PDB file of N, CA and C in Angstrom:
ATOM      1  N   MET A   1     -13.550  22.666  -5.926  1.00  0.00           N
ATOM      2  CA  MET A   1     -13.196  21.682  -6.925  1.00  0.00           C
ATOM      3  C   MET A   1     -12.074  20.801  -6.372  1.00  0.00           C
ATOM      4  N   ILE A   2     -12.153  19.521  -6.646  1.00  0.00           N
ATOM      5  CA  ILE A   2     -11.122  18.583  -6.213  1.00  0.00           C
ATOM      6  C   ILE A   2     -10.041  18.515  -7.286  1.00  0.00           C
ATOM      7  N   GLU A   3      -8.811  18.724  -6.879  1.00  0.00           N
ATOM      8  CA  GLU A   3      -7.690  18.642  -7.813  1.00  0.00           C
ATOM      9  C   GLU A   3      -7.099  17.231  -7.737  1.00  0.00           C
ATOM     10  N   TRP A   4      -7.426  16.393  -8.726  1.00  0.00           N
ATOM     11  CA  TRP A   4      -6.981  15.004  -8.749  1.00  0.00           C
ATOM     12  C   TRP A   4      -5.572  14.901  -9.320  1.00  0.00           C
ATOM     13  N   ILE A   5      -4.778  14.003  -8.739  1.00  0.00           N
ATOM     14  CA  ILE A   5      -3.403  13.755  -9.165  1.00  0.00           C
ATOM     15  C   ILE A   5      -3.323  12.314  -9.651  1.00  0.00           C
ATOM     16  N   LYS A   6      -2.768  12.109 -10.823  1.00  0.00           N
ATOM     17  CA  LYS A   6      -2.617  10.748 -11.344  1.00  0.00           C
ATOM     18  C   LYS A   6      -1.669   9.978 -10.428  1.00  0.00           C
ATOM     19  N   TYR A   7      -2.113   8.800  -9.973  1.00  0.00           N
ATOM     20  CA  TYR A   7      -1.300   7.987  -9.071  1.00  0.00           C
ATOM     21  C   TYR A   7      -0.210   7.285  -9.860  1.00  0.00           C
ATOM     22  N   ASP A   8       1.035   7.499  -9.442  1.00  0.00           N
ATOM     23  CA  ASP A   8       2.200   6.863 -10.038  1.00  0.00           C
ATOM     24  C   ASP A   8       2.914   6.086  -8.935  1.00  0.00           C
ATOM     25  N   PRO A   9       2.846   4.743  -8.938  1.00  0.00           N
ATOM     26  CA  PRO A   9       3.496   3.960  -7.879  1.00  0.00           C
ATOM     27  C   PRO A   9       4.995   4.242  -7.753  1.00  0.00           C
ATOM     28  N   ALA A  10       5.624   4.688  -8.827  1.00  0.00           N
ATOM     29  CA  ALA A  10       7.050   5.018  -8.780  1.00  0.00           C
ATOM     30  C   ALA A  10       7.300   6.356  -8.091  1.00  0.00           C
ATOM     31  N   ASN A  11       6.258   7.171  -7.956  1.00  0.00           N
ATOM     32  CA  ASN A  11       6.354   8.481  -7.310  1.00  0.00           C
ATOM     33  C   ASN A  11       5.126   8.663  -6.410  1.00  0.00           C
ATOM     34  N   PRO A  12       5.045   7.878  -5.324  1.00  0.00           N
ATOM     35  CA  PRO A  12       3.839   7.887  -4.498  1.00  0.00           C
ATOM     36  C   PRO A  12       3.712   9.149  -3.654  1.00  0.00           C
ATOM     37  N   PRO A  13       2.516   9.390  -3.130  1.00  0.00           N
ATOM     38  CA  PRO A  13       2.323  10.541  -2.233  1.00  0.00           C
ATOM     39  C   PRO A  13       2.974  10.289  -0.884  1.00  0.00           C
ATOM     40  N   GLU A  14       2.979  11.308  -0.055  1.00  0.00           N
ATOM     41  CA  GLU A  14       3.572  11.220   1.274  1.00  0.00           C
ATOM     42  C   GLU A  14       2.842  10.186   2.127  1.00  0.00           C
ATOM     43  N   ARG A  15       3.619   9.350   2.814  1.00  0.00           N
ATOM     44  CA  ARG A  15       3.036   8.324   3.687  1.00  0.00           C
ATOM     45  C   ARG A  15       2.491   8.954   4.958  1.00  0.00           C
ATOM     46  N   GLY A  16       1.499   8.256   5.550  1.00  0.00           N
ATOM     47  CA  GLY A  16       0.943   8.688   6.823  1.00  0.00           C
ATOM     48  C   GLY A  16      -0.114   9.775   6.725  1.00  0.00           C
ATOM     49  N   LYS A  17      -0.497  10.132   5.513  1.00  0.00           N
ATOM     50  CA  LYS A  17      -1.546  11.141   5.318  1.00  0.00           C
ATOM     51  C   LYS A  17      -2.777  10.482   4.722  1.00  0.00           C
ATOM     52  N   GLU A  18      -3.915  11.128   4.928  1.00  0.00           N
ATOM     53  CA  GLU A  18      -5.166  10.631   4.365  1.00  0.00           C
ATOM     54  C   GLU A  18      -5.470  11.374   3.067  1.00  0.00           C
ATOM     55  N   TYR A  19      -5.954  10.635   2.080  1.00  0.00           N
ATOM     56  CA  TYR A  19      -6.259  11.179   0.757  1.00  0.00           C
ATOM     57  C   TYR A  19      -7.619  10.664   0.295  1.00  0.00           C
ATOM     58  N   LEU A  20      -8.189  11.350  -0.673  1.00  0.00           N
ATOM     59  CA  LEU A  20      -9.296  10.796  -1.430  1.00  0.00           C
ATOM     60  C   LEU A  20      -8.678  10.011  -2.576  1.00  0.00           C
ATOM     61  N   VAL A  21      -9.208   8.828  -2.864  1.00  0.00           N
ATOM     62  CA  VAL A  21      -8.719   8.040  -3.994  1.00  0.00           C
ATOM     63  C   VAL A  21      -9.894   7.609  -4.855  1.00  0.00           C
ATOM     64  N   THR A  22      -9.607   7.375  -6.135  1.00  0.00           N
ATOM     65  CA  THR A  22     -10.630   6.893  -7.056  1.00  0.00           C
ATOM     66  C   THR A  22     -10.005   5.973  -8.084  1.00  0.00           C
ATOM     67  N   GLU A  23     -10.859   5.105  -8.635  1.00  0.00           N
ATOM     68  CA  GLU A  23     -10.471   4.271  -9.762  1.00  0.00           C
ATOM     69  C   GLU A  23     -11.259   4.718 -10.985  1.00  0.00           C
ATOM     70  N   GLY A  24     -11.868   5.884 -10.880  1.00  0.00           N
ATOM     71  CA  GLY A  24     -12.613   6.459 -11.984  1.00  0.00           C
ATOM     72  C   GLY A  24     -14.113   6.459 -11.770  1.00  0.00           C
ATOM     73  N   CYS A  25     -14.565   5.740 -10.741  1.00  0.00           N
ATOM     74  CA  CYS A  25     -16.001   5.651 -10.481  1.00  0.00           C
ATOM     75  C   CYS A  25     -16.309   5.916  -9.006  1.00  0.00           C
ATOM     76  N   LEU A  26     -15.738   5.110  -8.133  1.00  0.00           N
ATOM     77  CA  LEU A  26     -15.948   5.256  -6.691  1.00  0.00           C
ATOM     78  C   LEU A  26     -14.893   6.177  -6.086  1.00  0.00           C
ATOM     79  N   ILE A  27     -15.235   6.802  -4.955  1.00  0.00           N
ATOM     80  CA  ILE A  27     -14.295   7.646  -4.225  1.00  0.00           C
ATOM     81  C   ILE A  27     -14.253   7.163  -2.786  1.00  0.00           C
ATOM     82  N   GLU A  28     -13.042   7.019  -2.241  1.00  0.00           N
ATOM     83  CA  GLU A  28     -12.868   6.608  -0.853  1.00  0.00           C
ATOM     84  C   GLU A  28     -11.866   7.537  -0.174  1.00  0.00           C
ATOM     85  N   ALA A  29     -12.021   7.735   1.127  1.00  0.00           N
ATOM     86  CA  ALA A  29     -11.029   8.442   1.935  1.00  0.00           C
ATOM     87  C   ALA A  29     -10.173   7.384   2.607  1.00  0.00           C
ATOM     88  N   VAL A  30      -8.871   7.396   2.327  1.00  0.00           N
ATOM     89  CA  VAL A  30      -7.981   6.357   2.837  1.00  0.00           C
ATOM     90  C   VAL A  30      -6.640   6.950   3.240  1.00  0.00           C
ATOM     91  N   GLU A  31      -5.913   6.218   4.055  1.00  0.00           N
ATOM     92  CA  GLU A  31      -4.565   6.610   4.450  1.00  0.00           C
ATOM     93  C   GLU A  31      -3.567   5.882   3.570  1.00  0.00           C
ATOM     94  N   PHE A  32      -2.482   6.568   3.207  1.00  0.00           N
ATOM     95  CA  PHE A  32      -1.436   5.939   2.405  1.00  0.00           C
ATOM     96  C   PHE A  32      -0.229   5.657   3.287  1.00  0.00           C
ATOM     97  N   ASP A  33       0.101   4.382   3.438  1.00  0.00           N
ATOM     98  CA  ASP A  33       1.284   3.940   4.176  1.00  0.00           C
ATOM     99  C   ASP A  33       2.098   2.987   3.319  1.00  0.00           C
ATOM    100  N   GLY A  34       2.214   3.313   2.057  1.00  0.00           N
ATOM    101  CA  GLY A  34       2.831   2.407   1.101  1.00  0.00           C
ATOM    102  C   GLY A  34       1.763   1.581   0.407  1.00  0.00           C
ATOM    103  N   TYR A  35       0.616   1.492   1.054  1.00  0.00           N
ATOM    104  CA  TYR A  35      -0.595   0.868   0.519  1.00  0.00           C
ATOM    105  C   TYR A  35      -1.742   1.809   0.834  1.00  0.00           C
ATOM    106  N   TRP A  36      -2.811   1.715   0.075  1.00  0.00           N
ATOM    107  CA  TRP A  36      -4.007   2.504   0.346  1.00  0.00           C
ATOM    108  C   TRP A  36      -4.832   1.738   1.365  1.00  0.00           C
ATOM    109  N   ASN A  37      -4.861   2.207   2.613  1.00  0.00           N
ATOM    110  CA  ASN A  37      -5.539   1.511   3.700  1.00  0.00           C
ATOM    111  C   ASN A  37      -6.802   2.222   4.145  1.00  0.00           C
ATOM    112  N   THR A  38      -7.854   1.445   4.342  1.00  0.00           N
ATOM    113  CA  THR A  38      -9.077   1.948   4.966  1.00  0.00           C
ATOM    114  C   THR A  38      -9.197   1.271   6.322  1.00  0.00           C
ATOM    115  N   SER A  39     -10.156   1.694   7.112  1.00  0.00           N
ATOM    116  CA  SER A  39     -10.363   1.048   8.404  1.00  0.00           C
ATOM    117  C   SER A  39     -10.856  -0.384   8.216  1.00  0.00           C
ATOM    118  N   GLU A  40     -11.425  -0.697   7.062  1.00  0.00           N
ATOM    119  CA  GLU A  40     -11.920  -2.049   6.776  1.00  0.00           C
ATOM    120  C   GLU A  40     -10.878  -2.914   6.070  1.00  0.00           C
ATOM    121  N   GLY A  41      -9.756  -2.371   5.712  1.00  0.00           N
ATOM    122  CA  GLY A  41      -8.750  -3.136   4.971  1.00  0.00           C
ATOM    123  C   GLY A  41      -8.168  -2.291   3.849  1.00  0.00           C
ATOM    124  N   TYR A  42      -7.844  -2.937   2.771  1.00  0.00           N
ATOM    125  CA  TYR A  42      -7.255  -2.229   1.641  1.00  0.00           C
ATOM    126  C   TYR A  42      -8.313  -1.580   0.772  1.00  0.00           C
ATOM    127  N   ALA A  43      -8.000  -0.419   0.259  1.00  0.00           N
ATOM    128  CA  ALA A  43      -8.928   0.312  -0.600  1.00  0.00           C
ATOM    129  C   ALA A  43      -8.964  -0.286  -1.995  1.00  0.00           C
ATOM    130  N   MET A  44     -10.142  -0.373  -2.541  1.00  0.00           N
ATOM    131  CA  MET A  44     -10.333  -0.763  -3.938  1.00  0.00           C
ATOM    132  C   MET A  44      -9.520  -1.987  -4.325  1.00  0.00           C
ATOM    133  N   ALA A  45      -9.726  -3.064  -3.613  1.00  0.00           N
ATOM    134  CA  ALA A  45      -9.086  -4.343  -3.931  1.00  0.00           C
ATOM    135  C   ALA A  45      -7.569  -4.212  -3.960  1.00  0.00           C
ATOM    136  N   THR A  46      -6.988  -3.911  -2.837  1.00  0.00           N
ATOM    137  CA  THR A  46      -5.544  -3.771  -2.589  1.00  0.00           C
ATOM    138  C   THR A  46      -4.918  -2.531  -3.225  1.00  0.00           C
ATOM    139  N   GLY A  47      -5.723  -1.636  -3.728  1.00  0.00           N
ATOM    140  CA  GLY A  47      -5.174  -0.400  -4.274  1.00  0.00           C
ATOM    141  C   GLY A  47      -4.675  -0.520  -5.697  1.00  0.00           C
ATOM    142  N   ASP A  48      -4.707  -1.717  -6.261  1.00  0.00           N
ATOM    143  CA  ASP A  48      -4.237  -1.897  -7.636  1.00  0.00           C
ATOM    144  C   ASP A  48      -5.061  -1.084  -8.625  1.00  0.00           C
ATOM    145  N   LYS A  49      -6.296  -0.778  -8.249  1.00  0.00           N
ATOM    146  CA  LYS A  49      -7.194  -0.071  -9.153  1.00  0.00           C
ATOM    147  C   LYS A  49      -7.164   1.439  -8.971  1.00  0.00           C
ATOM    148  N   VAL A  50      -6.464   1.940  -7.948  1.00  0.00           N
ATOM    149  CA  VAL A  50      -6.420   3.385  -7.710  1.00  0.00           C
ATOM    150  C   VAL A  50      -5.720   4.059  -8.887  1.00  0.00           C
ATOM    151  N   THR A  51      -6.402   4.994  -9.510  1.00  0.00           N
ATOM    152  CA  THR A  51      -5.819   5.715 -10.643  1.00  0.00           C
ATOM    153  C   THR A  51      -5.449   7.153 -10.294  1.00  0.00           C
ATOM    154  N   HIS A  52      -6.186   7.764  -9.345  1.00  0.00           N
ATOM    155  CA  HIS A  52      -5.954   9.154  -8.976  1.00  0.00           C
ATOM    156  C   HIS A  52      -6.179   9.341  -7.481  1.00  0.00           C
ATOM    157  N   TYR A  53      -5.519  10.345  -6.921  1.00  0.00           N
ATOM    158  CA  TYR A  53      -5.720  10.691  -5.517  1.00  0.00           C
ATOM    159  C   TYR A  53      -5.774  12.205  -5.392  1.00  0.00           C
ATOM    160  N   ALA A  54      -6.281  12.660  -4.257  1.00  0.00           N
ATOM    161  CA  ALA A  54      -6.375  14.100  -3.996  1.00  0.00           C
ATOM    162  C   ALA A  54      -6.112  14.347  -2.518  1.00  0.00           C
ATOM    163  N   HIS A  55      -5.464  15.456  -2.230  1.00  0.00           N
ATOM    164  CA  HIS A  55      -5.240  15.866  -0.848  1.00  0.00           C
ATOM    165  C   HIS A  55      -6.567  16.281  -0.241  1.00  0.00           C
ATOM    166  N   ILE A  56      -6.755  15.987   1.036  1.00  0.00           N
ATOM    167  CA  ILE A  56      -7.958  16.397   1.745  1.00  0.00           C
ATOM    168  C   ILE A  56      -7.647  17.685   2.505  1.00  0.00           C
ATOM    169  N   ASN A  57      -8.488  18.676   2.310  1.00  0.00           N
ATOM    170  CA  ASN A  57      -8.318  19.935   3.033  1.00  0.00           C
ATOM    171  C   ASN A  57      -9.690  20.515   3.346  1.00  0.00           C
ATOM    172  N   LEU A  58      -9.739  21.334   4.366  1.00  0.00           N
ATOM    173  CA  LEU A  58     -10.976  22.028   4.712  1.00  0.00           C
ATOM    174  C   LEU A  58     -11.101  23.282   3.859  1.00  0.00           C
ATOM    175  N   PRO A  59     -12.311  23.789   3.659  1.00  0.00           N
ATOM    176  CA  PRO A  59     -12.466  25.024   2.886  1.00  0.00           C
ATOM    177  C   PRO A  59     -11.580  26.134   3.453  1.00  0.00           C
ATOM    178  N   GLY A  60     -10.857  26.791   2.572  1.00  0.00           N
ATOM    179  CA  GLY A  60      -9.979  27.879   2.985  1.00  0.00           C
ATOM    180  C   GLY A  60      -8.557  27.437   3.280  1.00  0.00           C
ATOM    181  N   GLU A  61      -8.308  26.137   3.408  1.00  0.00           N
ATOM    182  CA  GLU A  61      -6.952  25.634   3.636  1.00  0.00           C
ATOM    183  C   GLU A  61      -6.280  25.365   2.299  1.00  0.00           C
ATOM    184  N   GLU A  62      -4.981  25.611   2.242  1.00  0.00           N
ATOM    185  CA  GLU A  62      -4.223  25.277   1.046  1.00  0.00           C
ATOM    186  C   GLU A  62      -3.809  23.817   1.105  1.00  0.00           C
ATOM    187  N   THR A  63      -3.683  23.194  -0.057  1.00  0.00           N
ATOM    188  CA  THR A  63      -3.126  21.850  -0.129  1.00  0.00           C
ATOM    189  C   THR A  63      -1.691  21.954  -0.606  1.00  0.00           C
ATOM    190  N   ASP A  64      -0.954  20.867  -0.519  1.00  0.00           N
ATOM    191  CA  ASP A  64       0.416  20.841  -1.039  1.00  0.00           C
ATOM    192  C   ASP A  64       0.419  21.178  -2.518  1.00  0.00           C
ATOM    193  N   ASN A  65      -0.597  20.754  -3.253  1.00  0.00           N
ATOM    194  CA  ASN A  65      -0.672  21.035  -4.688  1.00  0.00           C
ATOM    195  C   ASN A  65      -0.726  22.526  -4.955  1.00  0.00           C
ATOM    196  N   GLU A  66      -1.562  23.252  -4.214  1.00  0.00           N
ATOM    197  CA  GLU A  66      -1.711  24.683  -4.430  1.00  0.00           C
ATOM    198  C   GLU A  66      -0.429  25.426  -4.098  1.00  0.00           C
ATOM    199  N   THR A  67       0.253  25.026  -3.047  1.00  0.00           N
ATOM    200  CA  THR A  67       1.508  25.662  -2.664  1.00  0.00           C
ATOM    201  C   THR A  67       2.568  25.435  -3.733  1.00  0.00           C
ATOM    202  N   ASN A  68       2.673  24.193  -4.219  1.00  0.00           N
ATOM    203  CA  ASN A  68       3.663  23.871  -5.254  1.00  0.00           C
ATOM    204  C   ASN A  68       3.377  24.579  -6.556  1.00  0.00           C
ATOM    205  N   ARG A  69       2.095  24.745  -6.906  1.00  0.00           N
ATOM    206  CA  ARG A  69       1.731  25.376  -8.155  1.00  0.00           C
ATOM    207  C   ARG A  69       2.147  26.842  -8.178  1.00  0.00           C
ATOM    208  N   ARG A  70       2.163  27.516  -7.021  1.00  0.00           N
ATOM    209  CA  ARG A  70       2.509  28.946  -6.958  1.00  0.00           C
ATOM    210  C   ARG A  70       4.000  29.194  -7.003  1.00  0.00           C
ATOM    211  N   GLN A  71       4.808  28.182  -6.745  1.00  0.00           N
ATOM    212  CA  GLN A  71       6.268  28.373  -6.693  1.00  0.00           C
ATOM    213  C   GLN A  71       6.873  28.381  -8.076  1.00  0.00           C
TER     214      GLN A  71
END
């Protein structure tokens, strides 16, 4: 199951990491460097439409969310 996090521009995720992002319909894998960047440019029309993001992990790997939830 994907654990989605509501995107808050005032409290953004860590820069330099790749995330899944959505605006409620489409899903893209993008890097966050202060902006949601794809290899083709900005994600979802400059990222203004991004509502949620999720950490990308392989099966069996913990995400930052899972580690924080246990503390």
